[in-house]
Amino acid sequence: MGSPVLITLTLTFGLNLLLYNLMILAFKADFRKVTLSPPLGSINLSGVIVPIDRLISMGFALALVGLLYALLRGSRIGRAIVAVRMDREAAQLMA
């Protein structure tokens, strides 16, 4: 925590490269797509065709982000996490 920012950034970037390449070696890098067996269809939004399954996925992801936000703002543990992020020493003093 007390080290210079450039060293922390370089270490994080190097660790990211190492872990990414280890994952490619372990699990291969071929992409796959989930296809629904009847497709849900698509919606035309001003000339842009958007599949309904992707809209459902986006809604689910936004709901999870909202749930995480509510957890961080509304619960005791969430407020503690935010307090530590803002000022670690003050949070330790307050227990």
N, C-alpha and C. Protein backbone atom coordinates (compact mmCIF):
# COMPACT_ATOMS: atom_id res chain seq x y z
N MET A 1 0.82 -1.20 0.00
CA MET A 1 0.00 0.00 0.00
C MET A 1 0.86 1.26 0.00
N GLY A 2 2.02 1.22 0.66
CA GLY A 2 2.83 2.42 0.77
C GLY A 2 3.85 2.58 -0.34
N SER A 3 3.92 1.65 -1.29
CA SER A 3 4.92 1.74 -2.35
C SER A 3 4.50 2.75 -3.41
N PRO A 4 5.47 3.23 -4.21
CA PRO A 4 5.13 4.20 -5.27
C PRO A 4 4.13 3.61 -6.27
N VAL A 5 3.37 4.50 -6.87
CA VAL A 5 2.29 4.09 -7.77
C VAL A 5 2.82 3.37 -9.00
N LEU A 6 3.94 3.82 -9.54
CA LEU A 6 4.47 3.22 -10.76
C LEU A 6 4.89 1.77 -10.53
N ILE A 7 5.47 1.48 -9.38
CA ILE A 7 5.86 0.10 -9.08
C ILE A 7 4.62 -0.78 -8.93
N THR A 8 3.61 -0.28 -8.25
CA THR A 8 2.37 -1.03 -8.08
C THR A 8 1.69 -1.28 -9.43
N LEU A 9 1.66 -0.26 -10.29
CA LEU A 9 1.05 -0.40 -11.61
C LEU A 9 1.81 -1.41 -12.46
N THR A 10 3.13 -1.36 -12.44
CA THR A 10 3.94 -2.29 -13.21
C THR A 10 3.76 -3.72 -12.71
N LEU A 11 3.75 -3.89 -11.41
CA LEU A 11 3.55 -5.22 -10.83
C LEU A 11 2.17 -5.77 -11.20
N THR A 12 1.15 -4.94 -11.11
CA THR A 12 -0.21 -5.38 -11.46
C THR A 12 -0.30 -5.76 -12.93
N PHE A 13 0.30 -4.96 -13.80
CA PHE A 13 0.27 -5.26 -15.23
C PHE A 13 1.01 -6.55 -15.54
N GLY A 14 2.18 -6.74 -14.93
CA GLY A 14 2.94 -7.98 -15.14
C GLY A 14 2.19 -9.19 -14.63
N LEU A 15 1.56 -9.07 -13.47
CA LEU A 15 0.78 -10.17 -12.92
C LEU A 15 -0.42 -10.49 -13.81
N ASN A 16 -1.03 -9.46 -14.38
CA ASN A 16 -2.14 -9.66 -15.31
C ASN A 16 -1.69 -10.44 -16.53
N LEU A 17 -0.56 -10.06 -17.12
CA LEU A 17 -0.04 -10.77 -18.29
C LEU A 17 0.28 -12.23 -17.95
N LEU A 18 0.91 -12.45 -16.82
CA LEU A 18 1.25 -13.81 -16.42
C LEU A 18 0.02 -14.68 -16.23
N LEU A 19 -0.96 -14.18 -15.48
CA LEU A 19 -2.17 -14.97 -15.23
C LEU A 19 -2.97 -15.19 -16.52
N TYR A 20 -3.05 -14.17 -17.37
CA TYR A 20 -3.78 -14.31 -18.63
C TYR A 20 -3.16 -15.40 -19.49
N ASN A 21 -1.85 -15.40 -19.63
CA ASN A 21 -1.20 -16.41 -20.45
C ASN A 21 -1.27 -17.80 -19.83
N LEU A 22 -1.22 -17.89 -18.51
CA LEU A 22 -1.41 -19.19 -17.86
C LEU A 22 -2.81 -19.73 -18.10
N MET A 23 -3.80 -18.86 -18.08
CA MET A 23 -5.18 -19.30 -18.35
C MET A 23 -5.34 -19.76 -19.79
N ILE A 24 -4.69 -19.08 -20.73
CA ILE A 24 -4.75 -19.51 -22.14
C ILE A 24 -4.11 -20.89 -22.30
N LEU A 25 -2.97 -21.10 -21.63
CA LEU A 25 -2.33 -22.42 -21.70
C LEU A 25 -3.20 -23.51 -21.08
N ALA A 26 -3.87 -23.19 -19.99
CA ALA A 26 -4.65 -24.21 -19.28
C ALA A 26 -5.98 -24.51 -19.96
N PHE A 27 -6.66 -23.49 -20.49
CA PHE A 27 -8.03 -23.68 -20.96
C PHE A 27 -8.23 -23.46 -22.45
N LYS A 28 -7.20 -23.15 -23.20
CA LYS A 28 -7.25 -22.88 -24.63
C LYS A 28 -7.95 -21.55 -24.90
N ALA A 29 -7.78 -21.04 -26.11
CA ALA A 29 -8.29 -19.71 -26.42
C ALA A 29 -9.36 -19.72 -27.51
N ASP A 30 -10.11 -20.78 -27.63
CA ASP A 30 -11.15 -20.80 -28.64
C ASP A 30 -12.45 -20.24 -28.05
N PHE A 31 -13.08 -19.41 -28.83
CA PHE A 31 -14.30 -18.76 -28.38
C PHE A 31 -15.51 -19.61 -28.74
N ARG A 32 -16.49 -19.58 -27.89
CA ARG A 32 -17.72 -20.33 -28.11
C ARG A 32 -18.91 -19.41 -27.91
N LYS A 33 -20.01 -19.77 -28.54
CA LYS A 33 -21.21 -18.97 -28.42
C LYS A 33 -22.36 -19.88 -28.01
N VAL A 34 -23.16 -19.40 -27.10
CA VAL A 34 -24.33 -20.15 -26.67
C VAL A 34 -25.47 -19.80 -27.64
N THR A 35 -26.05 -20.82 -28.24
CA THR A 35 -27.19 -20.59 -29.13
C THR A 35 -28.43 -21.20 -28.51
N LEU A 36 -29.48 -20.44 -28.53
CA LEU A 36 -30.74 -20.91 -27.96
C LEU A 36 -31.49 -21.71 -29.01
N SER A 37 -32.18 -22.73 -28.54
CA SER A 37 -32.83 -23.63 -29.49
C SER A 37 -34.32 -23.39 -29.64
N PRO A 38 -35.18 -22.67 -29.38
CA PRO A 38 -35.63 -21.71 -30.36
C PRO A 38 -35.08 -20.33 -30.00
N PRO A 39 -34.63 -19.59 -30.95
CA PRO A 39 -34.13 -18.25 -30.65
C PRO A 39 -35.26 -17.34 -30.14
N LEU A 40 -34.91 -16.43 -29.28
CA LEU A 40 -35.92 -15.52 -28.71
C LEU A 40 -36.33 -14.42 -29.67
N GLY A 41 -35.57 -14.22 -30.71
CA GLY A 41 -35.89 -13.19 -31.68
C GLY A 41 -35.00 -11.98 -31.50
N SER A 42 -35.34 -10.92 -32.19
CA SER A 42 -34.54 -9.70 -32.13
C SER A 42 -35.45 -8.48 -32.26
N ILE A 43 -34.91 -7.35 -31.85
CA ILE A 43 -35.64 -6.08 -31.91
C ILE A 43 -34.84 -5.13 -32.78
N ASN A 44 -35.53 -4.38 -33.64
CA ASN A 44 -34.89 -3.38 -34.48
C ASN A 44 -35.02 -2.02 -33.80
N LEU A 45 -33.89 -1.48 -33.34
CA LEU A 45 -33.87 -0.17 -32.68
C LEU A 45 -33.18 0.84 -33.58
N SER A 46 -33.94 1.59 -34.33
CA SER A 46 -33.42 2.62 -35.24
C SER A 46 -32.36 2.07 -36.20
N GLY A 47 -32.63 0.94 -36.77
CA GLY A 47 -31.72 0.35 -37.73
C GLY A 47 -30.68 -0.59 -37.13
N VAL A 48 -30.64 -0.68 -35.81
CA VAL A 48 -29.71 -1.59 -35.15
C VAL A 48 -30.49 -2.79 -34.67
N ILE A 49 -30.09 -3.98 -35.10
CA ILE A 49 -30.78 -5.21 -34.71
C ILE A 49 -30.11 -5.76 -33.45
N VAL A 50 -30.90 -5.87 -32.38
CA VAL A 50 -30.39 -6.34 -31.09
C VAL A 50 -31.14 -7.62 -30.72
N PRO A 51 -30.40 -8.71 -30.48
CA PRO A 51 -31.06 -9.95 -30.05
C PRO A 51 -31.67 -9.80 -28.66
N ILE A 52 -32.82 -10.40 -28.46
CA ILE A 52 -33.52 -10.28 -27.18
C ILE A 52 -32.75 -10.95 -26.05
N ASP A 53 -32.06 -12.06 -26.34
CA ASP A 53 -31.28 -12.72 -25.28
C ASP A 53 -30.16 -11.82 -24.76
N ARG A 54 -29.58 -10.98 -25.61
CA ARG A 54 -28.56 -10.04 -25.14
C ARG A 54 -29.18 -8.92 -24.32
N LEU A 55 -30.37 -8.51 -24.67
CA LEU A 55 -31.07 -7.50 -23.85
C LEU A 55 -31.39 -8.06 -22.47
N ILE A 56 -31.80 -9.32 -22.41
CA ILE A 56 -32.07 -9.96 -21.12
C ILE A 56 -30.79 -10.05 -20.29
N SER A 57 -29.69 -10.42 -20.94
CA SER A 57 -28.39 -10.50 -20.25
C SER A 57 -27.97 -9.13 -19.72
N MET A 58 -28.17 -8.09 -20.53
CA MET A 58 -27.83 -6.75 -20.10
C MET A 58 -28.68 -6.32 -18.90
N GLY A 59 -29.96 -6.63 -18.95
CA GLY A 59 -30.84 -6.31 -17.82
C GLY A 59 -30.44 -7.04 -16.55
N PHE A 60 -30.05 -8.30 -16.69
CA PHE A 60 -29.60 -9.08 -15.54
C PHE A 60 -28.31 -8.49 -14.96
N ALA A 61 -27.37 -8.11 -15.83
CA ALA A 61 -26.11 -7.52 -15.37
C ALA A 61 -26.36 -6.19 -14.67
N LEU A 62 -27.24 -5.36 -15.22
CA LEU A 62 -27.57 -4.08 -14.58
C LEU A 62 -28.25 -4.30 -13.23
N ALA A 63 -29.09 -5.33 -13.14
CA ALA A 63 -29.73 -5.64 -11.87
C ALA A 63 -28.69 -6.06 -10.82
N LEU A 64 -27.70 -6.85 -11.23
CA LEU A 64 -26.64 -7.25 -10.30
C LEU A 64 -25.80 -6.06 -9.85
N VAL A 65 -25.52 -5.14 -10.76
CA VAL A 65 -24.78 -3.92 -10.38
C VAL A 65 -25.61 -3.10 -9.39
N GLY A 66 -26.90 -2.97 -9.63
CA GLY A 66 -27.77 -2.26 -8.70
C GLY A 66 -27.84 -2.93 -7.34
N LEU A 67 -27.86 -4.25 -7.33
CA LEU A 67 -27.86 -4.99 -6.07
C LEU A 67 -26.55 -4.77 -5.30
N LEU A 68 -25.43 -4.77 -6.00
CA LEU A 68 -24.15 -4.51 -5.36
C LEU A 68 -24.09 -3.09 -4.81
N TYR A 69 -24.60 -2.13 -5.56
CA TYR A 69 -24.65 -0.75 -5.10
C TYR A 69 -25.50 -0.63 -3.84
N ALA A 70 -26.66 -1.27 -3.84
CA ALA A 70 -27.53 -1.23 -2.67
C ALA A 70 -26.86 -1.90 -1.47
N LEU A 71 -26.12 -2.98 -1.71
CA LEU A 71 -25.41 -3.66 -0.64
C LEU A 71 -24.33 -2.75 -0.05
N LEU A 72 -23.57 -2.08 -0.91
CA LEU A 72 -22.50 -1.21 -0.42
C LEU A 72 -23.04 0.03 0.28
N ARG A 73 -24.18 0.52 -0.11
CA ARG A 73 -24.73 1.74 0.49
C ARG A 73 -25.65 1.47 1.67
N GLY A 74 -26.28 0.30 1.69
CA GLY A 74 -27.32 0.08 2.69
C GLY A 74 -26.97 -0.81 3.85
N SER A 75 -25.98 -1.68 3.70
CA SER A 75 -25.68 -2.61 4.78
C SER A 75 -24.50 -2.13 5.61
N ARG A 76 -24.37 -2.68 6.78
CA ARG A 76 -23.27 -2.31 7.67
C ARG A 76 -21.92 -2.73 7.07
N ILE A 77 -21.85 -3.94 6.54
CA ILE A 77 -20.60 -4.41 5.95
C ILE A 77 -20.24 -3.58 4.72
N GLY A 78 -21.23 -3.17 3.95
CA GLY A 78 -20.97 -2.34 2.78
C GLY A 78 -20.42 -0.98 3.17
N ARG A 79 -21.00 -0.38 4.20
CA ARG A 79 -20.48 0.91 4.68
C ARG A 79 -19.07 0.76 5.21
N ALA A 80 -18.76 -0.38 5.84
CA ALA A 80 -17.40 -0.63 6.32
C ALA A 80 -16.42 -0.75 5.16
N ILE A 81 -16.82 -1.41 4.09
CA ILE A 81 -15.96 -1.54 2.90
C ILE A 81 -15.69 -0.18 2.30
N VAL A 82 -16.72 0.65 2.19
CA VAL A 82 -16.56 1.99 1.62
C VAL A 82 -15.67 2.84 2.53
N ALA A 83 -15.82 2.71 3.85
CA ALA A 83 -15.01 3.49 4.79
C ALA A 83 -13.54 3.11 4.67
N VAL A 84 -13.24 1.83 4.54
CA VAL A 84 -11.85 1.40 4.40
C VAL A 84 -11.28 1.91 3.09
N ARG A 85 -12.10 1.90 2.03
CA ARG A 85 -11.62 2.41 0.74
C ARG A 85 -11.31 3.90 0.82
N MET A 86 -12.10 4.65 1.57
CA MET A 86 -11.89 6.10 1.65
C MET A 86 -10.70 6.44 2.54
N ASP A 87 -10.61 5.86 3.72
CA ASP A 87 -9.52 6.19 4.65
C ASP A 87 -9.28 4.98 5.57
N ARG A 88 -8.25 4.24 5.24
CA ARG A 88 -7.98 3.00 5.97
C ARG A 88 -7.62 3.25 7.44
N GLU A 89 -6.81 4.26 7.70
CA GLU A 89 -6.38 4.52 9.07
C GLU A 89 -7.55 4.94 9.94
N ALA A 90 -8.42 5.80 9.43
CA ALA A 90 -9.58 6.24 10.20
C ALA A 90 -10.51 5.08 10.46
N ALA A 91 -10.68 4.19 9.50
CA ALA A 91 -11.55 3.02 9.69
C ALA A 91 -10.97 2.10 10.75
N GLN A 92 -9.63 1.96 10.82
CA GLN A 92 -9.02 1.13 11.84
C GLN A 92 -9.21 1.75 13.23
N LEU A 93 -9.14 3.09 13.30
CA LEU A 93 -9.33 3.75 14.57
C LEU A 93 -10.77 3.61 15.07
N MET A 94 -11.72 3.56 14.13
CA MET A 94 -13.12 3.45 14.51
C MET A 94 -13.54 1.99 14.74
N ALA A 95 -12.67 1.07 14.43
CA ALA A 95 -12.91 -0.37 14.56
C ALA A 95 -13.90 -0.81 13.55
